[in-house]
Amino acid sequence: MTKQTTTLLLQLSDLHIREPGRLAYGRLDTAPYLRQAVDTVLRMPQRPDAIVVTGDLTDFGRPAEYAHLRELLAPLGALPLYLLPGNHDDRGQLRACFPEHAYLGQGGFVQYSVAVGALQLIALDTVVPGASEGGLCAQRLGWLERELHAQRERPVVIAMHHPPFRTLIGHMDAIGLLEGAEALEAIVARHPNVERVVCGHLHRAIQVRFGGTLAATVPSPAHQVCLDLAPDAESAWTLEPPGFAVHALPQGGRLVSHLAASGRYEGPYPFHDGGRLID
């Protein structure tokens, strides 16, 4: 009997790495949280086929921040790693610090399409330089449409930084994807092989129906945006439990997404004792 294989794509997002010793927002060292996430990934019982990081890799897009990020990610070794810029990043500095990552291209938008096991990962660049909000222009959307047509026989995961939907967290929606969301949804709706649209930016796990599929954001390995749905909610963050997503595609099946906790916890413990349920 042939053993069934499952493609595993891990998604990290919103690392916000600063220079060694510098604190994000003047109070948070994000580096230990990324080390914790990397350790969690390396302890997983199944080796992932790849990791995609959906933006805000650094806090200010500075060379020293990317150098620190590279050091923190180094324990992942030869595990395929795909990076995307967020609104806190700088495309040029990202390319300069990761020159061996040929998929980043030589200039312009950071968009790519790569095979990850049985999946096709298609990355979209939503960055508007100098702005916190995101956008998808006709050029970026046209590239996506052509790539989706080319990959129409394969299950696809679209990765991007800014989510293309309202989250009801007002201060984050004000800096969400302010251009191209409706056009993106129309494109996705024309391609039923899109299994998921995975995003960052929100530092929370949020899901919504979008273009006939699911669009979702994931927590940060460090800090989370406060869950406050009041229209005038304060822009604030919290140290809720960190995490990341595991997107699993079984052979011949549907994509299943899991939210994984980052860190070390008690267990695992059996539900039984010597084959008997414990009373």
Foldseek 3Di string as FASTA:
>chain_A
DDDWDKAKEWEAEQQAFDAPPQAVVRDHHSLVLLLLQLVVQVPDPDNHLAYEYAENLHQAADLNRLVSSCVSNCVVPPRHYHYAYAQNHDLVSNCVSCVVPCQCDDDDHNWGWDDRDQEIETEAEQYDHPALAGEDDPVRVVVVLVVCVVQLVGQYEYGHAFFLDDPLPQVQVVRGHPYDSVVNLCSLLVRVSHAEYEYESQLDWDWDDTSNHIYTYAHHSAKGFDPDNPNPDDGDIDGDFGWIKMWMGIVVGGIDIDTGTRHDDDDDDDCADPPHGDD
